[in-house]
Structures are given as structure tokens and as C-alpha cells.
PDB file of N, CA and C in Angstrom:
ATOM      1  N   MET A   1    -109.432  69.795 -22.820  1.00  0.00           N
ATOM      2  CA  MET A   1    -108.518  68.955 -23.589  1.00  0.00           C
ATOM      3  C   MET A   1    -108.510  67.553 -23.004  1.00  0.00           C
ATOM      4  N   ALA A   2    -108.387  66.581 -23.882  1.00  0.00           N
ATOM      5  CA  ALA A   2    -108.399  65.186 -23.463  1.00  0.00           C
ATOM      6  C   ALA A   2    -107.122  64.833 -22.711  1.00  0.00           C
ATOM      7  N   ASN A   3    -107.250  63.936 -21.760  1.00  0.00           N
ATOM      8  CA  ASN A   3    -106.103  63.472 -20.985  1.00  0.00           C
ATOM      9  C   ASN A   3    -105.635  62.089 -21.414  1.00  0.00           C
ATOM     10  N   ILE A   4    -106.538  61.299 -21.948  1.00  0.00           N
ATOM     11  CA  ILE A   4    -106.217  59.927 -22.317  1.00  0.00           C
ATOM     12  C   ILE A   4    -105.568  59.910 -23.701  1.00  0.00           C
ATOM     13  N   LYS A   5    -104.539  59.076 -23.832  1.00  0.00           N
ATOM     14  CA  LYS A   5    -103.765  59.040 -25.066  1.00  0.00           C
ATOM     15  C   LYS A   5    -104.626  58.723 -26.294  1.00  0.00           C
ATOM     16  N   SER A   6    -105.516  57.751 -26.172  1.00  0.00           N
ATOM     17  CA  SER A   6    -106.356  57.381 -27.312  1.00  0.00           C
ATOM     18  C   SER A   6    -107.311  58.513 -27.696  1.00  0.00           C
ATOM     19  N   ALA A   7    -107.766  59.277 -26.714  1.00  0.00           N
ATOM     20  CA  ALA A   7    -108.657  60.407 -26.987  1.00  0.00           C
ATOM     21  C   ALA A   7    -107.898  61.524 -27.701  1.00  0.00           C
ATOM     22  N   LYS A   8    -106.642  61.717 -27.304  1.00  0.00           N
ATOM     23  CA  LYS A   8    -105.797  62.721 -27.972  1.00  0.00           C
ATOM     24  C   LYS A   8    -105.572  62.324 -29.432  1.00  0.00           C
ATOM     25  N   LYS A   9    -105.336  61.021 -29.648  1.00  0.00           N
ATOM     26  CA  LYS A   9    -105.120  60.532 -31.004  1.00  0.00           C
ATOM     27  C   LYS A   9    -106.380  60.714 -31.846  1.00  0.00           C
ATOM     28  N   ARG A  10    -107.537  60.415 -31.269  1.00  0.00           N
ATOM     29  CA  ARG A  10    -108.811  60.587 -31.972  1.00  0.00           C
ATOM     30  C   ARG A  10    -108.967  62.036 -32.428  1.00  0.00           C
ATOM     31  N   ILE A  11    -108.625  62.980 -31.566  1.00  0.00           N
ATOM     32  CA  ILE A  11    -108.743  64.402 -31.909  1.00  0.00           C
ATOM     33  C   ILE A  11    -107.867  64.724 -33.112  1.00  0.00           C
ATOM     34  N   LEU A  12    -106.630  64.233 -33.100  1.00  0.00           N
ATOM     35  CA  LEU A  12    -105.708  64.484 -34.209  1.00  0.00           C
ATOM     36  C   LEU A  12    -106.190  63.837 -35.509  1.00  0.00           C
ATOM     37  N   VAL A  13    -106.632  62.578 -35.411  1.00  0.00           N
ATOM     38  CA  VAL A  13    -107.083  61.852 -36.596  1.00  0.00           C
ATOM     39  C   VAL A  13    -108.327  62.512 -37.186  1.00  0.00           C
ATOM     40  N   ASN A  14    -109.261  62.912 -36.310  1.00  0.00           N
ATOM     41  CA  ASN A  14    -110.491  63.550 -36.786  1.00  0.00           C
ATOM     42  C   ASN A  14    -110.191  64.872 -37.476  1.00  0.00           C
ATOM     43  N   LYS A  15    -109.224  65.632 -36.951  1.00  0.00           N
ATOM     44  CA  LYS A  15    -108.865  66.903 -37.577  1.00  0.00           C
ATOM     45  C   LYS A  15    -108.247  66.659 -38.949  1.00  0.00           C
ATOM     46  N   THR A  16    -107.384  65.661 -39.047  1.00  0.00           N
ATOM     47  CA  THR A  16    -106.757  65.326 -40.324  1.00  0.00           C
ATOM     48  C   THR A  16    -107.812  64.939 -41.360  1.00  0.00           C
ATOM     49  N   LYS A  17    -108.757  64.088 -40.950  1.00  0.00           N
ATOM     50  CA  LYS A  17    -109.811  63.655 -41.869  1.00  0.00           C
ATOM     51  C   LYS A  17    -110.720  64.813 -42.260  1.00  0.00           C
ATOM     52  N   ALA A  18    -111.031  65.686 -41.315  1.00  0.00           N
ATOM     53  CA  ALA A  18    -111.891  66.838 -41.598  1.00  0.00           C
ATOM     54  C   ALA A  18    -111.216  67.771 -42.597  1.00  0.00           C
ATOM     55  N   ASP A  19    -109.908  67.976 -42.433  1.00  0.00           N
ATOM     56  CA  ASP A  19    -109.159  68.831 -43.369  1.00  0.00           C
ATOM     57  C   ASP A  19    -109.151  68.229 -44.768  1.00  0.00           C
ATOM     58  N   ARG A  20    -108.978  66.916 -44.857  1.00  0.00           N
ATOM     59  CA  ARG A  20    -108.972  66.221 -46.140  1.00  0.00           C
ATOM     60  C   ARG A  20    -110.336  66.344 -46.814  1.00  0.00           C
ATOM     61  N   ASN A  21    -111.392  66.099 -46.039  1.00  0.00           N
ATOM     62  CA  ASN A  21    -112.744  66.190 -46.584  1.00  0.00           C
ATOM     63  C   ASN A  21    -113.056  67.606 -47.051  1.00  0.00           C
ATOM     64  N   LYS A  22    -112.580  68.598 -46.294  1.00  0.00           N
ATOM     65  CA  LYS A  22    -112.820  69.996 -46.649  1.00  0.00           C
ATOM     66  C   LYS A  22    -112.144  70.332 -47.974  1.00  0.00           C
ATOM     67  N   ALA A  23    -110.939  69.838 -48.169  1.00  0.00           N
ATOM     68  CA  ALA A  23    -110.208  70.091 -49.411  1.00  0.00           C
ATOM     69  C   ALA A  23    -110.916  69.431 -50.597  1.00  0.00           C
ATOM     70  N   ILE A  24    -111.386  68.215 -50.402  1.00  0.00           N
ATOM     71  CA  ILE A  24    -112.079  67.496 -51.474  1.00  0.00           C
ATOM     72  C   ILE A  24    -113.391  68.195 -51.829  1.00  0.00           C
ATOM     73  N   LYS A  25    -114.155  68.611 -50.804  1.00  0.00           N
ATOM     74  CA  LYS A  25    -115.417  69.311 -51.052  1.00  0.00           C
ATOM     75  C   LYS A  25    -115.178  70.623 -51.788  1.00  0.00           C
ATOM     76  N   SER A  26    -114.096  71.289 -51.433  1.00  0.00           N
ATOM     77  CA  SER A  26    -113.758  72.556 -52.081  1.00  0.00           C
ATOM     78  C   SER A  26    -113.457  72.343 -53.560  1.00  0.00           C
ATOM     79  N   SER A  27    -112.724  71.275 -53.875  1.00  0.00           N
ATOM     80  CA  SER A  27    -112.394  71.002 -55.279  1.00  0.00           C
ATOM     81  C   SER A  27    -113.648  70.649 -56.069  1.00  0.00           C
ATOM     82  N   VAL A  28    -114.604  69.963 -55.428  1.00  0.00           N
ATOM     83  CA  VAL A  28    -115.871  69.640 -56.090  1.00  0.00           C
ATOM     84  C   VAL A  28    -116.642  70.924 -56.385  1.00  0.00           C
ATOM     85  N   LYS A  29    -116.709  71.812 -55.403  1.00  0.00           N
ATOM     86  CA  LYS A  29    -117.420  73.075 -55.594  1.00  0.00           C
ATOM     87  C   LYS A  29    -116.803  73.891 -56.723  1.00  0.00           C
ATOM     88  N   THR A  30    -115.488  73.914 -56.790  1.00  0.00           N
ATOM     89  CA  THR A  30    -114.800  74.646 -57.846  1.00  0.00           C
ATOM     90  C   THR A  30    -115.126  74.056 -59.218  1.00  0.00           C
ATOM     91  N   ALA A  31    -115.112  72.737 -59.319  1.00  0.00           N
ATOM     92  CA  ALA A  31    -115.400  72.071 -60.591  1.00  0.00           C
ATOM     93  C   ALA A  31    -116.838  72.339 -61.031  1.00  0.00           C
ATOM     94  N   VAL A  32    -117.766  72.296 -60.086  1.00  0.00           N
ATOM     95  CA  VAL A  32    -119.174  72.553 -60.399  1.00  0.00           C
ATOM     96  C   VAL A  32    -119.353  74.003 -60.845  1.00  0.00           C
ATOM     97  N   LYS A  33    -118.653  74.890 -60.169  1.00  0.00           N
ATOM     98  CA  LYS A  33    -118.759  76.314 -60.523  1.00  0.00           C
ATOM     99  C   LYS A  33    -118.248  76.563 -61.948  1.00  0.00           C
ATOM    100  N   LYS A  34    -117.197  75.853 -62.341  1.00  0.00           N
ATOM    101  CA  LYS A  34    -116.664  76.014 -63.701  1.00  0.00           C
ATOM    102  C   LYS A  34    -117.699  75.572 -64.739  1.00  0.00           C
ATOM    103  N   VAL A  35    -118.450  74.521 -64.432  1.00  0.00           N
ATOM    104  CA  VAL A  35    -119.495  74.068 -65.347  1.00  0.00           C
ATOM    105  C   VAL A  35    -120.584  75.142 -65.451  1.00  0.00           C
ATOM    106  N   ILE A  36    -120.998  75.669 -64.317  1.00  0.00           N
ATOM    107  CA  ILE A  36    -122.062  76.670 -64.295  1.00  0.00           C
ATOM    108  C   ILE A  36    -121.637  77.945 -65.024  1.00  0.00           C
ATOM    109  N   VAL A  37    -120.385  78.361 -64.839  1.00  0.00           N
ATOM    110  CA  VAL A  37    -119.875  79.549 -65.527  1.00  0.00           C
ATOM    111  C   VAL A  37    -119.881  79.324 -67.043  1.00  0.00           C
ATOM    112  N   ALA A  38    -119.485  78.133 -67.479  1.00  0.00           N
ATOM    113  CA  ALA A  38    -119.478  77.822 -68.911  1.00  0.00           C
ATOM    114  C   ALA A  38    -120.900  77.809 -69.473  1.00  0.00           C
ATOM    115  N   ILE A  39    -121.855  77.315 -68.683  1.00  0.00           N
ATOM    116  CA  ILE A  39    -123.253  77.306 -69.117  1.00  0.00           C
ATOM    117  C   ILE A  39    -123.767  78.736 -69.242  1.00  0.00           C
ATOM    118  N   ASP A  40    -123.458  79.564 -68.252  1.00  0.00           N
ATOM    119  CA  ASP A  40    -123.892  80.964 -68.284  1.00  0.00           C
ATOM    120  C   ASP A  40    -123.285  81.717 -69.464  1.00  0.00           C
ATOM    121  N   ALA A  41    -122.054  81.354 -69.829  1.00  0.00           N
ATOM    122  CA  ALA A  41    -121.381  82.001 -70.959  1.00  0.00           C
ATOM    123  C   ALA A  41    -121.878  81.443 -72.293  1.00  0.00           C
ATOM    124  N   ASN A  42    -122.732  80.408 -72.228  1.00  0.00           N
ATOM    125  CA  ASN A  42    -123.298  79.772 -73.415  1.00  0.00           C
ATOM    126  C   ASN A  42    -122.222  79.133 -74.300  1.00  0.00           C
ATOM    127  N   ASP A  43    -121.181  78.609 -73.648  1.00  0.00           N
ATOM    128  CA  ASP A  43    -120.076  77.945 -74.359  1.00  0.00           C
ATOM    129  C   ASP A  43    -120.227  76.436 -74.169  1.00  0.00           C
ATOM    130  N   LYS A  44    -120.856  75.801 -75.150  1.00  0.00           N
ATOM    131  CA  LYS A  44    -121.196  74.379 -75.018  1.00  0.00           C
ATOM    132  C   LYS A  44    -119.967  73.473 -74.921  1.00  0.00           C
ATOM    133  N   GLU A  45    -118.942  73.765 -75.709  1.00  0.00           N
ATOM    134  CA  GLU A  45    -117.734  72.922 -75.680  1.00  0.00           C
ATOM    135  C   GLU A  45    -117.030  73.006 -74.323  1.00  0.00           C
ATOM    136  N   ALA A  46    -116.899  74.224 -73.805  1.00  0.00           N
ATOM    137  CA  ALA A  46    -116.266  74.405 -72.491  1.00  0.00           C
ATOM    138  C   ALA A  46    -117.110  73.753 -71.401  1.00  0.00           C
ATOM    139  N   ALA A  47    -118.422  73.846 -71.536  1.00  0.00           N
ATOM    140  CA  ALA A  47    -119.318  73.245 -70.547  1.00  0.00           C
ATOM    141  C   ALA A  47    -119.180  71.725 -70.542  1.00  0.00           C
ATOM    142  N   LYS A  48    -119.076  71.129 -71.738  1.00  0.00           N
ATOM    143  CA  LYS A  48    -118.913  69.669 -71.822  1.00  0.00           C
ATOM    144  C   LYS A  48    -117.591  69.224 -71.205  1.00  0.00           C
ATOM    145  N   ALA A  49    -116.528  69.981 -71.496  1.00  0.00           N
ATOM    146  CA  ALA A  49    -115.213  69.645 -70.941  1.00  0.00           C
ATOM    147  C   ALA A  49    -115.220  69.793 -69.417  1.00  0.00           C
ATOM    148  N   ALA A  50    -115.831  70.874 -68.944  1.00  0.00           N
ATOM    149  CA  ALA A  50    -115.906  71.112 -67.499  1.00  0.00           C
ATOM    150  C   ALA A  50    -116.774  70.053 -66.828  1.00  0.00           C
ATOM    151  N   LEU A  51    -117.832  69.628 -67.512  1.00  0.00           N
ATOM    152  CA  LEU A  51    -118.715  68.588 -66.968  1.00  0.00           C
ATOM    153  C   LEU A  51    -117.972  67.270 -66.818  1.00  0.00           C
ATOM    154  N   LEU A  52    -117.173  66.931 -67.811  1.00  0.00           N
ATOM    155  CA  LEU A  52    -116.391  65.696 -67.745  1.00  0.00           C
ATOM    156  C   LEU A  52    -115.437  65.719 -66.549  1.00  0.00           C
ATOM    157  N   ASN A  53    -114.779  66.852 -66.364  1.00  0.00           N
ATOM    158  CA  ASN A  53    -113.859  67.024 -65.240  1.00  0.00           C
ATOM    159  C   ASN A  53    -114.611  66.976 -63.911  1.00  0.00           C
ATOM    160  N   ALA A  54    -115.729  67.678 -63.830  1.00  0.00           N
ATOM    161  CA  ALA A  54    -116.514  67.724 -62.589  1.00  0.00           C
ATOM    162  C   ALA A  54    -117.041  66.341 -62.226  1.00  0.00           C
ATOM    163  N   THR A  55    -117.491  65.594 -63.213  1.00  0.00           N
ATOM    164  CA  THR A  55    -117.998  64.247 -62.971  1.00  0.00           C
ATOM    165  C   THR A  55    -116.911  63.357 -62.381  1.00  0.00           C
ATOM    166  N   SER A  56    -115.723  63.480 -62.938  1.00  0.00           N
ATOM    167  CA  SER A  56    -114.588  62.696 -62.440  1.00  0.00           C
ATOM    168  C   SER A  56    -114.269  63.050 -60.987  1.00  0.00           C
ATOM    169  N   ILE A  57    -114.230  64.343 -60.694  1.00  0.00           N
ATOM    170  CA  ILE A  57    -113.903  64.797 -59.340  1.00  0.00           C
ATOM    171  C   ILE A  57    -114.985  64.363 -58.344  1.00  0.00           C
ATOM    172  N   ILE A  58    -116.257  64.473 -58.744  1.00  0.00           N
ATOM    173  CA  ILE A  58    -117.358  64.071 -57.865  1.00  0.00           C
ATOM    174  C   ILE A  58    -117.298  62.574 -57.601  1.00  0.00           C
ATOM    175  N   ASP A  59    -117.002  61.778 -58.629  1.00  0.00           N
ATOM    176  CA  ASP A  59    -116.899  60.324 -58.455  1.00  0.00           C
ATOM    177  C   ASP A  59    -115.757  59.953 -57.521  1.00  0.00           C
ATOM    178  N   LYS A  60    -114.636  60.651 -57.643  1.00  0.00           N
ATOM    179  CA  LYS A  60    -113.507  60.388 -56.750  1.00  0.00           C
ATOM    180  C   LYS A  60    -113.867  60.723 -55.306  1.00  0.00           C
ATOM    181  N   ALA A  61    -114.561  61.844 -55.120  1.00  0.00           N
ATOM    182  CA  ALA A  61    -114.980  62.248 -53.768  1.00  0.00           C
ATOM    183  C   ALA A  61    -115.926  61.211 -53.173  1.00  0.00           C
ATOM    184  N   THR A  62    -116.782  60.653 -54.007  1.00  0.00           N
ATOM    185  CA  THR A  62    -117.725  59.629 -53.545  1.00  0.00           C
ATOM    186  C   THR A  62    -116.987  58.353 -53.158  1.00  0.00           C
ATOM    187  N   SER A  63    -115.994  57.979 -53.958  1.00  0.00           N
ATOM    188  CA  SER A  63    -115.250  56.752 -53.661  1.00  0.00           C
ATOM    189  C   SER A  63    -114.425  56.885 -52.385  1.00  0.00           C
ATOM    190  N   LYS A  64    -114.062  58.121 -52.029  1.00  0.00           N
ATOM    191  CA  LYS A  64    -113.313  58.352 -50.791  1.00  0.00           C
ATOM    192  C   LYS A  64    -114.236  58.494 -49.583  1.00  0.00           C
ATOM    193  N   GLY A  65    -115.544  58.459 -49.834  1.00  0.00           N
ATOM    194  CA  GLY A  65    -116.497  58.505 -48.723  1.00  0.00           C
ATOM    195  C   GLY A  65    -116.875  59.908 -48.280  1.00  0.00           C
ATOM    196  N   VAL A  66    -116.548  60.913 -49.083  1.00  0.00           N
ATOM    197  CA  VAL A  66    -116.879  62.286 -48.708  1.00  0.00           C
ATOM    198  C   VAL A  66    -118.356  62.563 -48.973  1.00  0.00           C
ATOM    199  N   TYR A  67    -118.880  62.031 -50.084  1.00  0.00           N
ATOM    200  CA  TYR A  67    -120.279  62.203 -50.444  1.00  0.00           C
ATOM    201  C   TYR A  67    -120.970  60.857 -50.535  1.00  0.00           C
ATOM    202  N   HIS A  68    -122.266  60.840 -50.266  1.00  0.00           N
ATOM    203  CA  HIS A  68    -123.077  59.643 -50.457  1.00  0.00           C
ATOM    204  C   HIS A  68    -123.270  59.430 -51.956  1.00  0.00           C
ATOM    205  N   LYS A  69    -123.371  58.184 -52.371  1.00  0.00           N
ATOM    206  CA  LYS A  69    -123.448  57.885 -53.807  1.00  0.00           C
ATOM    207  C   LYS A  69    -124.677  58.494 -54.464  1.00  0.00           C
ATOM    208  N   ASN A  70    -125.807  58.550 -53.748  1.00  0.00           N
ATOM    209  CA  ASN A  70    -127.021  59.138 -54.322  1.00  0.00           C
ATOM    210  C   ASN A  70    -126.876  60.645 -54.484  1.00  0.00           C
ATOM    211  N   TYR A  71    -126.225  61.287 -53.523  1.00  0.00           N
ATOM    212  CA  TYR A  71    -125.990  62.734 -53.605  1.00  0.00           C
ATOM    213  C   TYR A  71    -125.124  63.050 -54.819  1.00  0.00           C
ATOM    214  N   ALA A  72    -124.072  62.275 -54.991  1.00  0.00           N
ATOM    215  CA  ALA A  72    -123.158  62.488 -56.114  1.00  0.00           C
ATOM    216  C   ALA A  72    -123.878  62.238 -57.437  1.00  0.00           C
ATOM    217  N   SER A  73    -124.664  61.178 -57.484  1.00  0.00           N
ATOM    218  CA  SER A  73    -125.399  60.846 -58.698  1.00  0.00           C
ATOM    219  C   SER A  73    -126.371  61.961 -59.059  1.00  0.00           C
ATOM    220  N   ARG A  74    -127.060  62.496 -58.071  1.00  0.00           N
ATOM    221  CA  ARG A  74    -128.013  63.586 -58.294  1.00  0.00           C
ATOM    222  C   ARG A  74    -127.303  64.835 -58.795  1.00  0.00           C
ATOM    223  N   LYS A  75    -126.156  65.136 -58.216  1.00  0.00           N
ATOM    224  CA  LYS A  75    -125.382  66.315 -58.598  1.00  0.00           C
ATOM    225  C   LYS A  75    -124.920  66.208 -60.062  1.00  0.00           C
ATOM    226  N   VAL A  76    -124.395  65.042 -60.433  1.00  0.00           N
ATOM    227  CA  VAL A  76    -123.918  64.813 -61.794  1.00  0.00           C
ATOM    228  C   VAL A  76    -125.093  64.879 -62.770  1.00  0.00           C
ATOM    229  N   SER A  77    -126.207  64.276 -62.381  1.00  0.00           N
ATOM    230  CA  SER A  77    -127.384  64.259 -63.237  1.00  0.00           C
ATOM    231  C   SER A  77    -127.891  65.669 -63.511  1.00  0.00           C
ATOM    232  N   ARG A  78    -127.938  66.496 -62.500  1.00  0.00           N
ATOM    233  CA  ARG A  78    -128.427  67.868 -62.676  1.00  0.00           C
ATOM    234  C   ARG A  78    -127.478  68.688 -63.540  1.00  0.00           C
ATOM    235  N   LEU A  79    -126.182  68.496 -63.355  1.00  0.00           N
ATOM    236  CA  LEU A  79    -125.215  69.204 -64.201  1.00  0.00           C
ATOM    237  C   LEU A  79    -125.344  68.759 -65.654  1.00  0.00           C
ATOM    238  N   ASN A  80    -125.483  67.448 -65.838  1.00  0.00           N
ATOM    239  CA  ASN A  80    -125.631  66.889 -67.177  1.00  0.00           C
ATOM    240  C   ASN A  80    -126.879  67.434 -67.863  1.00  0.00           C
ATOM    241  N   LYS A  81    -127.970  67.504 -67.100  1.00  0.00           N
ATOM    242  CA  LYS A  81    -129.228  68.016 -67.632  1.00  0.00           C
ATOM    243  C   LYS A  81    -129.085  69.485 -68.049  1.00  0.00           C
ATOM    244  N   ALA A  82    -128.368  70.259 -67.233  1.00  0.00           N
ATOM    245  CA  ALA A  82    -128.181  71.676 -67.528  1.00  0.00           C
ATOM    246  C   ALA A  82    -127.347  71.870 -68.799  1.00  0.00           C
ATOM    247  N   VAL A  83    -126.306  71.058 -68.951  1.00  0.00           N
ATOM    248  CA  VAL A  83    -125.452  71.160 -70.143  1.00  0.00           C
ATOM    249  C   VAL A  83    -126.241  70.737 -71.391  1.00  0.00           C
ATOM    250  N   ASN A  84    -127.018  69.673 -71.281  1.00  0.00           N
ATOM    251  CA  ASN A  84    -127.799  69.196 -72.421  1.00  0.00           C
ATOM    252  C   ASN A  84    -128.918  70.161 -72.825  1.00  0.00           C
ATOM    253  N   ALA A  85    -129.378  70.966 -71.856  1.00  0.00           N
ATOM    254  CA  ALA A  85    -130.455  71.908 -72.129  1.00  0.00           C
ATOM    255  C   ALA A  85    -129.975  73.143 -72.893  1.00  0.00           C
ATOM    256  N   MET A  86    -128.651  73.294 -73.013  1.00  0.00           N
ATOM    257  CA  MET A  86    -128.123  74.453 -73.746  1.00  0.00           C
ATOM    258  C   MET A  86    -128.511  74.345 -75.215  1.00  0.00           C
ATOM    259  N   ALA A  87    -128.869  75.488 -75.793  1.00  0.00           N
ATOM    260  CA  ALA A  87    -129.304  75.474 -77.201  1.00  0.00           C
ATOM    261  C   ALA A  87    -128.134  75.608 -78.160  1.00  0.00           C
TER     262      ALA A  87
END
């Protein structure tokens, strides 16, 4: 355990940020899963609605610095491609 006050603070701040990032990543995974489930169910309207929601959540996560912008862009692009490929 750290003895210096600033080191103790760093530990607390890092844990807080890690918890926040974990929650945001979890919400992104849930949103992506909803899109994939809708695609598997062959429900185009639900997939489009879920895609819109997932895109919003991914963009918010990117703006908060949880994901790199290229990673987020690639993720959204692949989801969009999957939804558009539905017959």
C-alpha cells in the first residue's frame, strides 16, 4: 500500500475511473448484443432501432475517452453493414 498522500489519491482516482469505464463498456456491449439479437431474429425494424441506440451509446463512450475514435467507427460500420445486409 502506498504511503504518500498523492499516491493514495492516485489509487482512488484510478479505481473510480476504471469503474466508470467498465460501466460504459458494459452498456456498449449490451447495446451491441441487442442489435445482434434483432439481426438473428430477422426483425429489421427492431434491428434499426437497436442500431440507432447502439450508435449513440458508442459515440458517447468515444467522446468520454473510453474507446478510440477509429475503434468506435469500425464497430458502428460493421453493425450498420450487418443490419443493411438483412433481406
